[in-house]
Amino acid sequence: MKTTNYSVDLLNDLKELEGNWPDNVITMQKNWIGESYGAEVSFKISEDRDINVFTTRPDTLFGVSFLAIAADHIFIDECSKKVQDYSKNLLKNDTSNINKDKEKPDGIFTGFFAVHPMTGKRDPNLGCKLRSYWLWNWGCYGCACSRPKRL
């Protein structure tokens, strides 16, 4: 059974819990169910490859500083052997504790830079990276950061 088929019903039923459950628990459930409204944006990586990104904040696209993809994203097949090997290693290992004590997230640069969707220009600061913390079911995501030091 896919809970995503019932997300609207689940969210509506949470209203019945108001006043009986703590507000923070209801909020956590709403976030976990995760119905999101937003826009899908395409980042051109090469002549024949776009990476689609879902964002709930299209107003932040001008600040996009990198793309992150999951280890099992189909784009990995087009990357170098080094990136493919890194991906295979992530997939065969439990990544739940990766980055537990590290300041920076684990990942590897794929070797590809994206064309910024707002300017239409290839951006040398807009690299596509494979990240250990990205989940396939969320696809990939353009990350808008106001503080680049956090990358």
N, C-alpha and C. Protein backbone atom coordinates (compact mmCIF):
# COMPACT_ATOMS: atom_id res chain seq x y z
N MET A 1 0.84 -1.17 0.00
CA MET A 1 0.00 0.00 0.00
C MET A 1 0.89 1.25 0.00
N LYS A 2 0.58 2.18 -0.85
CA LYS A 2 1.31 3.44 -0.90
C LYS A 2 0.54 4.49 -0.12
N THR A 3 1.16 5.00 0.94
CA THR A 3 0.48 6.03 1.73
C THR A 3 0.27 7.31 0.94
N THR A 4 1.10 7.51 -0.11
CA THR A 4 0.94 8.73 -0.91
C THR A 4 -0.41 8.75 -1.61
N ASN A 5 -1.01 7.58 -1.83
CA ASN A 5 -2.34 7.55 -2.45
C ASN A 5 -3.41 8.12 -1.52
N TYR A 6 -3.09 8.21 -0.24
CA TYR A 6 -4.07 8.63 0.76
C TYR A 6 -3.66 9.91 1.47
N SER A 7 -2.70 10.64 0.91
CA SER A 7 -2.16 11.81 1.62
C SER A 7 -3.22 12.86 1.91
N VAL A 8 -4.11 13.11 0.97
CA VAL A 8 -5.14 14.14 1.20
C VAL A 8 -6.06 13.70 2.33
N ASP A 9 -6.47 12.43 2.33
CA ASP A 9 -7.33 11.93 3.40
C ASP A 9 -6.62 11.98 4.75
N LEU A 10 -5.36 11.57 4.77
CA LEU A 10 -4.59 11.59 6.02
C LEU A 10 -4.47 13.01 6.58
N LEU A 11 -4.17 13.95 5.68
CA LEU A 11 -4.05 15.34 6.13
C LEU A 11 -5.38 15.88 6.66
N ASN A 12 -6.46 15.57 5.96
CA ASN A 12 -7.78 16.03 6.41
C ASN A 12 -8.16 15.42 7.75
N ASP A 13 -7.83 14.15 7.95
CA ASP A 13 -8.17 13.47 9.19
C ASP A 13 -7.39 14.00 10.39
N LEU A 14 -6.27 14.64 10.15
CA LEU A 14 -5.51 15.22 11.26
C LEU A 14 -6.32 16.30 12.00
N LYS A 15 -7.28 16.90 11.30
CA LYS A 15 -8.11 17.94 11.93
C LYS A 15 -8.92 17.36 13.09
N GLU A 16 -9.24 16.05 13.00
CA GLU A 16 -9.99 15.41 14.07
C GLU A 16 -9.16 15.25 15.34
N LEU A 17 -7.85 15.35 15.21
CA LEU A 17 -6.96 15.18 16.37
C LEU A 17 -6.70 16.49 17.10
N GLU A 18 -7.05 17.62 16.47
CA GLU A 18 -6.79 18.92 17.07
C GLU A 18 -7.51 19.03 18.42
N GLY A 19 -6.76 19.47 19.42
CA GLY A 19 -7.30 19.60 20.77
C GLY A 19 -7.09 18.33 21.60
N ASN A 20 -6.87 17.21 20.94
CA ASN A 20 -6.63 15.94 21.64
C ASN A 20 -5.16 15.52 21.59
N TRP A 21 -4.46 16.02 20.63
CA TRP A 21 -3.03 15.71 20.46
C TRP A 21 -2.26 17.02 20.55
N PRO A 22 -1.00 16.95 20.99
CA PRO A 22 -0.18 18.18 21.02
C PRO A 22 -0.01 18.75 19.60
N ASP A 23 -0.02 20.06 19.51
CA ASP A 23 0.12 20.74 18.22
C ASP A 23 1.41 20.34 17.50
N ASN A 24 2.50 20.18 18.27
CA ASN A 24 3.77 19.85 17.62
C ASN A 24 3.72 18.46 16.99
N VAL A 25 2.98 17.52 17.57
CA VAL A 25 2.86 16.18 16.99
C VAL A 25 2.03 16.25 15.71
N ILE A 26 0.98 17.02 15.70
CA ILE A 26 0.16 17.19 14.50
C ILE A 26 0.99 17.83 13.39
N THR A 27 1.78 18.82 13.75
CA THR A 27 2.66 19.47 12.75
C THR A 27 3.67 18.48 12.19
N MET A 28 4.27 17.65 13.07
CA MET A 28 5.22 16.64 12.59
C MET A 28 4.54 15.67 11.63
N GLN A 29 3.31 15.27 11.92
CA GLN A 29 2.59 14.36 11.05
C GLN A 29 2.31 15.01 9.70
N LYS A 30 1.91 16.28 9.72
CA LYS A 30 1.67 17.00 8.46
C LYS A 30 2.94 17.04 7.62
N ASN A 31 4.06 17.32 8.28
CA ASN A 31 5.33 17.37 7.55
C ASN A 31 5.74 16.00 7.04
N TRP A 32 5.47 14.96 7.81
CA TRP A 32 5.84 13.61 7.39
C TRP A 32 5.00 13.16 6.20
N ILE A 33 3.70 13.46 6.24
CA ILE A 33 2.82 13.09 5.12
C ILE A 33 3.28 13.84 3.88
N GLY A 34 3.61 15.09 4.04
CA GLY A 34 4.35 15.84 3.06
C GLY A 34 3.69 16.23 1.76
N GLU A 35 2.47 16.60 1.77
CA GLU A 35 1.89 17.12 0.54
C GLU A 35 2.46 18.51 0.31
N SER A 36 3.11 18.69 -0.83
CA SER A 36 3.78 19.96 -1.12
C SER A 36 3.26 20.55 -2.42
N TYR A 37 3.16 21.85 -2.44
CA TYR A 37 2.79 22.57 -3.64
C TYR A 37 3.99 23.39 -4.08
N GLY A 38 4.27 23.39 -5.36
CA GLY A 38 5.42 24.13 -5.85
C GLY A 38 5.52 24.05 -7.35
N ALA A 39 6.74 24.09 -7.83
CA ALA A 39 7.00 24.11 -9.27
C ALA A 39 8.12 23.13 -9.61
N GLU A 40 8.04 22.56 -10.79
CA GLU A 40 9.13 21.73 -11.29
C GLU A 40 9.95 22.58 -12.25
N VAL A 41 11.25 22.58 -12.03
CA VAL A 41 12.17 23.39 -12.83
C VAL A 41 13.20 22.47 -13.46
N SER A 42 13.55 22.73 -14.71
CA SER A 42 14.56 21.93 -15.39
C SER A 42 15.89 22.66 -15.44
N PHE A 43 16.95 21.94 -15.08
CA PHE A 43 18.31 22.44 -15.20
C PHE A 43 18.99 21.66 -16.31
N LYS A 44 19.41 22.34 -17.36
CA LYS A 44 20.10 21.67 -18.46
C LYS A 44 21.53 21.36 -18.03
N ILE A 45 21.89 20.06 -18.14
CA ILE A 45 23.22 19.60 -17.77
C ILE A 45 24.08 19.41 -19.02
N SER A 46 23.46 18.87 -20.08
CA SER A 46 24.16 18.69 -21.35
C SER A 46 23.14 18.89 -22.46
N GLU A 47 23.57 18.71 -23.69
CA GLU A 47 22.67 18.93 -24.82
C GLU A 47 21.41 18.08 -24.74
N ASP A 48 21.54 16.87 -24.25
CA ASP A 48 20.40 15.96 -24.24
C ASP A 48 19.98 15.53 -22.83
N ARG A 49 20.42 16.24 -21.82
CA ARG A 49 20.07 15.85 -20.45
C ARG A 49 19.65 17.05 -19.62
N ASP A 50 18.45 16.95 -19.07
CA ASP A 50 17.96 17.91 -18.09
C ASP A 50 17.78 17.19 -16.77
N ILE A 51 18.02 17.87 -15.68
CA ILE A 51 17.68 17.34 -14.37
C ILE A 51 16.55 18.18 -13.83
N ASN A 52 15.44 17.51 -13.55
CA ASN A 52 14.25 18.20 -13.06
C ASN A 52 14.31 18.31 -11.55
N VAL A 53 13.89 19.44 -11.06
CA VAL A 53 13.95 19.78 -9.65
C VAL A 53 12.57 20.24 -9.21
N PHE A 54 12.14 19.77 -8.05
CA PHE A 54 10.90 20.26 -7.47
C PHE A 54 11.25 21.24 -6.37
N THR A 55 10.61 22.38 -6.39
CA THR A 55 10.85 23.37 -5.34
C THR A 55 9.54 23.97 -4.89
N THR A 56 9.44 24.17 -3.60
CA THR A 56 8.28 24.87 -3.05
C THR A 56 8.54 26.38 -3.00
N ARG A 57 9.76 26.77 -3.37
CA ARG A 57 10.15 28.18 -3.32
C ARG A 57 10.80 28.62 -4.63
N PRO A 58 10.02 28.72 -5.72
CA PRO A 58 10.62 29.15 -6.98
C PRO A 58 11.20 30.56 -6.91
N ASP A 59 10.79 31.33 -5.92
CA ASP A 59 11.32 32.69 -5.76
C ASP A 59 12.79 32.68 -5.36
N THR A 60 13.32 31.53 -4.95
CA THR A 60 14.73 31.46 -4.54
C THR A 60 15.64 30.98 -5.67
N LEU A 61 15.11 30.76 -6.86
CA LEU A 61 15.92 30.20 -7.94
C LEU A 61 17.12 31.05 -8.31
N PHE A 62 17.03 32.34 -8.16
CA PHE A 62 18.18 33.18 -8.50
C PHE A 62 19.37 32.89 -7.59
N GLY A 63 19.11 32.35 -6.40
CA GLY A 63 20.18 32.05 -5.46
C GLY A 63 20.68 30.62 -5.49
N VAL A 64 20.22 29.83 -6.45
CA VAL A 64 20.64 28.42 -6.51
C VAL A 64 22.15 28.33 -6.62
N SER A 65 22.73 27.45 -5.80
CA SER A 65 24.19 27.34 -5.79
C SER A 65 24.70 25.94 -6.11
N PHE A 66 23.85 24.92 -6.10
CA PHE A 66 24.25 23.60 -6.55
C PHE A 66 23.02 22.72 -6.75
N LEU A 67 23.21 21.62 -7.44
CA LEU A 67 22.20 20.59 -7.59
C LEU A 67 22.70 19.36 -6.85
N ALA A 68 21.82 18.67 -6.17
CA ALA A 68 22.20 17.43 -5.50
C ALA A 68 21.34 16.31 -6.06
N ILE A 69 21.98 15.17 -6.33
CA ILE A 69 21.25 14.02 -6.82
C ILE A 69 21.56 12.82 -5.93
N ALA A 70 20.68 11.84 -5.96
CA ALA A 70 20.83 10.64 -5.16
C ALA A 70 21.75 9.64 -5.84
N ALA A 71 22.24 8.69 -5.06
CA ALA A 71 23.15 7.68 -5.57
C ALA A 71 22.50 6.78 -6.62
N ASP A 72 21.18 6.65 -6.59
CA ASP A 72 20.51 5.80 -7.57
C ASP A 72 19.78 6.60 -8.65
N HIS A 73 20.14 7.86 -8.80
CA HIS A 73 19.56 8.68 -9.87
C HIS A 73 20.03 8.15 -11.22
N ILE A 74 19.17 8.16 -12.22
CA ILE A 74 19.53 7.61 -13.54
C ILE A 74 20.68 8.37 -14.20
N PHE A 75 20.89 9.60 -13.81
CA PHE A 75 21.97 10.40 -14.39
C PHE A 75 23.36 9.84 -14.05
N ILE A 76 23.47 9.06 -12.98
CA ILE A 76 24.76 8.51 -12.57
C ILE A 76 25.40 7.69 -13.70
N ASP A 77 24.58 7.04 -14.51
CA ASP A 77 25.11 6.23 -15.62
C ASP A 77 25.91 7.06 -16.62
N GLU A 78 25.69 8.35 -16.67
CA GLU A 78 26.39 9.23 -17.60
C GLU A 78 27.64 9.86 -16.99
N CYS A 79 27.89 9.57 -15.74
CA CYS A 79 29.02 10.16 -15.04
C CYS A 79 30.27 9.28 -15.17
N SER A 80 31.38 9.80 -14.66
CA SER A 80 32.65 9.08 -14.72
C SER A 80 32.62 7.81 -13.88
N LYS A 81 33.58 6.93 -14.11
CA LYS A 81 33.68 5.69 -13.34
C LYS A 81 33.85 6.00 -11.85
N LYS A 82 34.61 7.03 -11.54
CA LYS A 82 34.83 7.41 -10.14
C LYS A 82 33.50 7.74 -9.46
N VAL A 83 32.66 8.49 -10.14
CA VAL A 83 31.34 8.86 -9.58
C VAL A 83 30.46 7.62 -9.48
N GLN A 84 30.49 6.77 -10.50
CA GLN A 84 29.68 5.55 -10.48
C GLN A 84 30.11 4.62 -9.35
N ASP A 85 31.42 4.50 -9.13
CA ASP A 85 31.92 3.66 -8.03
C ASP A 85 31.50 4.22 -6.67
N TYR A 86 31.57 5.54 -6.53
CA TYR A 86 31.13 6.20 -5.28
C TYR A 86 29.65 5.90 -5.05
N SER A 87 28.86 6.00 -6.12
CA SER A 87 27.43 5.73 -6.04
C SER A 87 27.17 4.29 -5.61
N LYS A 88 27.86 3.35 -6.23
CA LYS A 88 27.67 1.93 -5.88
C LYS A 88 28.03 1.68 -4.42
N ASN A 89 29.08 2.33 -3.94
CA ASN A 89 29.48 2.18 -2.55
C ASN A 89 28.40 2.71 -1.61
N LEU A 90 27.82 3.85 -1.94
CA LEU A 90 26.74 4.39 -1.11
C LEU A 90 25.54 3.46 -1.08
N LEU A 91 25.21 2.90 -2.24
CA LEU A 91 24.03 2.05 -2.33
C LEU A 91 24.18 0.73 -1.58
N LYS A 92 25.40 0.23 -1.50
CA LYS A 92 25.57 -1.05 -0.81
C LYS A 92 25.78 -0.89 0.69
N ASN A 93 26.04 0.32 1.14
CA ASN A 93 26.25 0.59 2.56
C ASN A 93 25.06 1.29 3.17
N ASP A 94 24.89 1.10 4.46
CA ASP A 94 23.86 1.82 5.20
C ASP A 94 24.35 3.25 5.38
N THR A 95 23.60 4.20 4.83
CA THR A 95 24.02 5.60 4.88
C THR A 95 23.37 6.37 6.03
N SER A 96 22.65 5.67 6.91
CA SER A 96 21.94 6.38 7.97
C SER A 96 22.89 7.09 8.93
N ASN A 97 24.12 6.60 9.07
CA ASN A 97 25.07 7.22 9.99
C ASN A 97 26.15 8.02 9.28
N ILE A 98 26.08 8.08 7.94
CA ILE A 98 27.07 8.87 7.20
C ILE A 98 26.93 10.33 7.62
N ASN A 99 28.04 10.99 7.76
CA ASN A 99 28.05 12.41 8.09
C ASN A 99 27.63 12.69 9.52
N LYS A 100 27.57 11.67 10.33
CA LYS A 100 27.10 11.85 11.71
C LYS A 100 27.95 12.86 12.47
N ASP A 101 29.27 12.75 12.33
CA ASP A 101 30.16 13.63 13.08
C ASP A 101 30.94 14.59 12.18
N LYS A 102 30.46 14.81 10.99
CA LYS A 102 31.20 15.66 10.04
C LYS A 102 30.50 17.01 9.89
N GLU A 103 31.30 18.01 9.59
CA GLU A 103 30.74 19.34 9.39
C GLU A 103 30.12 19.45 8.00
N LYS A 104 30.77 18.84 7.00
CA LYS A 104 30.27 18.92 5.63
C LYS A 104 29.63 17.60 5.23
N PRO A 105 28.60 17.66 4.38
CA PRO A 105 27.96 16.42 3.93
C PRO A 105 28.86 15.64 2.97
N ASP A 106 28.73 14.31 3.00
CA ASP A 106 29.46 13.48 2.06
C ASP A 106 28.91 13.70 0.66
N GLY A 107 29.79 13.60 -0.31
CA GLY A 107 29.34 13.73 -1.68
C GLY A 107 30.51 13.80 -2.62
N ILE A 108 30.19 13.85 -3.91
CA ILE A 108 31.22 13.93 -4.94
C ILE A 108 30.66 14.74 -6.10
N PHE A 109 31.52 15.56 -6.69
CA PHE A 109 31.14 16.36 -7.86
C PHE A 109 31.04 15.44 -9.06
N THR A 110 29.97 15.56 -9.83
CA THR A 110 29.75 14.68 -10.98
C THR A 110 30.56 15.06 -12.21
N GLY A 111 31.11 16.27 -12.20
CA GLY A 111 31.84 16.74 -13.36
C GLY A 111 30.99 17.58 -14.30
N PHE A 112 29.74 17.79 -13.94
CA PHE A 112 28.81 18.54 -14.80
C PHE A 112 28.37 19.83 -14.11
N PHE A 113 28.27 20.87 -14.91
CA PHE A 113 27.73 22.15 -14.45
C PHE A 113 26.41 22.39 -15.17
N ALA A 114 25.48 23.00 -14.47
CA ALA A 114 24.15 23.23 -15.03
C ALA A 114 24.03 24.62 -15.65
N VAL A 115 23.08 24.72 -16.56
CA VAL A 115 22.67 26.01 -17.10
C VAL A 115 21.63 26.56 -16.13
N HIS A 116 21.86 27.78 -15.66
CA HIS A 116 20.93 28.39 -14.71
C HIS A 116 19.59 28.63 -15.43
N PRO A 117 18.47 28.16 -14.87
CA PRO A 117 17.19 28.27 -15.56
C PRO A 117 16.69 29.71 -15.70
N MET A 118 17.18 30.62 -14.89
CA MET A 118 16.70 32.00 -14.97
C MET A 118 17.55 32.84 -15.92
N THR A 119 18.83 32.52 -16.04
CA THR A 119 19.70 33.33 -16.90
C THR A 119 19.95 32.68 -18.25
N GLY A 120 19.78 31.35 -18.33
CA GLY A 120 20.05 30.64 -19.58
C GLY A 120 21.53 30.45 -19.85
N LYS A 121 22.38 30.71 -18.86
CA LYS A 121 23.83 30.60 -19.05
C LYS A 121 24.38 29.47 -18.18
N ARG A 122 25.39 28.76 -18.73
CA ARG A 122 26.07 27.73 -17.95
C ARG A 122 26.81 28.43 -16.82
N ASP A 123 26.59 27.96 -15.62
CA ASP A 123 27.12 28.62 -14.43
C ASP A 123 28.23 27.77 -13.81
N PRO A 124 29.47 28.27 -13.80
CA PRO A 124 30.57 27.49 -13.22
C PRO A 124 30.44 27.29 -11.71
N ASN A 125 29.53 28.00 -11.08
CA ASN A 125 29.29 27.82 -9.65
C ASN A 125 28.11 26.88 -9.37
N LEU A 126 27.47 26.40 -10.44
CA LEU A 126 26.28 25.57 -10.29
C LEU A 126 26.61 24.13 -10.67
N GLY A 127 27.41 23.50 -9.82
CA GLY A 127 27.84 22.13 -10.06
C GLY A 127 26.80 21.12 -9.62
N CYS A 128 26.77 20.00 -10.32
CA CYS A 128 25.87 18.90 -9.97
C CYS A 128 26.64 17.91 -9.12
N LYS A 129 26.15 17.65 -7.92
CA LYS A 129 26.87 16.80 -6.96
C LYS A 129 26.01 15.61 -6.55
N LEU A 130 26.67 14.48 -6.41
CA LEU A 130 26.03 13.31 -5.83
C LEU A 130 26.20 13.43 -4.32
N ARG A 131 25.10 13.36 -3.59
CA ARG A 131 25.15 13.53 -2.14
C ARG A 131 24.63 12.28 -1.44
N SER A 132 25.26 11.92 -0.35
CA SER A 132 24.89 10.72 0.39
C SER A 132 23.52 10.84 1.05
N TYR A 133 23.09 12.04 1.33
CA TYR A 133 21.85 12.22 2.07
C TYR A 133 20.61 12.39 1.19
N TRP A 134 20.78 12.36 -0.14
CA TRP A 134 19.64 12.59 -1.02
C TRP A 134 18.89 11.31 -1.27
N LEU A 135 17.58 11.35 -1.25
CA LEU A 135 16.74 10.18 -1.46
C LEU A 135 16.16 10.19 -2.86
N TRP A 136 16.15 9.03 -3.49
CA TRP A 136 15.66 8.95 -4.87
C TRP A 136 14.21 9.38 -4.96
N ASN A 137 13.38 8.98 -4.02
CA ASN A 137 11.97 9.30 -4.16
C ASN A 137 11.71 10.80 -4.15
N TRP A 138 12.70 11.58 -3.75
CA TRP A 138 12.60 13.03 -3.87
C TRP A 138 13.32 13.53 -5.11
N GLY A 139 13.90 12.60 -5.87
CA GLY A 139 14.62 12.99 -7.07
C GLY A 139 15.83 13.81 -6.73
N CYS A 140 15.94 14.94 -7.36
CA CYS A 140 17.07 15.83 -7.10
C CYS A 140 16.51 17.20 -6.77
N TYR A 141 17.34 18.07 -6.29
CA TYR A 141 16.84 19.35 -5.82
C TYR A 141 17.87 20.44 -6.02
N GLY A 142 17.43 21.58 -6.52
CA GLY A 142 18.31 22.74 -6.59
C GLY A 142 18.30 23.42 -5.25
N CYS A 143 19.43 23.60 -4.67
CA CYS A 143 19.50 24.13 -3.32
C CYS A 143 19.88 25.60 -3.34
N ALA A 144 19.00 26.42 -2.89
CA ALA A 144 19.29 27.85 -2.80
C ALA A 144 19.85 28.14 -1.41
N CYS A 145 21.04 28.65 -1.35
CA CYS A 145 21.68 28.92 -0.06
C CYS A 145 22.08 30.37 0.02
N SER A 146 21.81 30.97 1.13
CA SER A 146 22.24 32.36 1.31
C SER A 146 23.62 32.41 1.93
N ARG A 147 24.06 31.26 2.52
CA ARG A 147 25.38 31.22 3.14
C ARG A 147 26.20 30.09 2.52
N PRO A 148 26.96 30.36 1.46
CA PRO A 148 27.72 29.30 0.78
C PRO A 148 28.63 28.49 1.68
N LYS A 149 29.06 29.03 2.81
CA LYS A 149 29.95 28.28 3.69
C LYS A 149 29.28 27.02 4.24
N ARG A 150 27.98 26.93 4.19
CA ARG A 150 27.27 25.77 4.69
C ARG A 150 27.30 24.61 3.69
N LEU A 151 27.75 24.85 2.48
CA LEU A 151 27.79 23.77 1.50
C LEU A 151 28.93 22.89 1.84
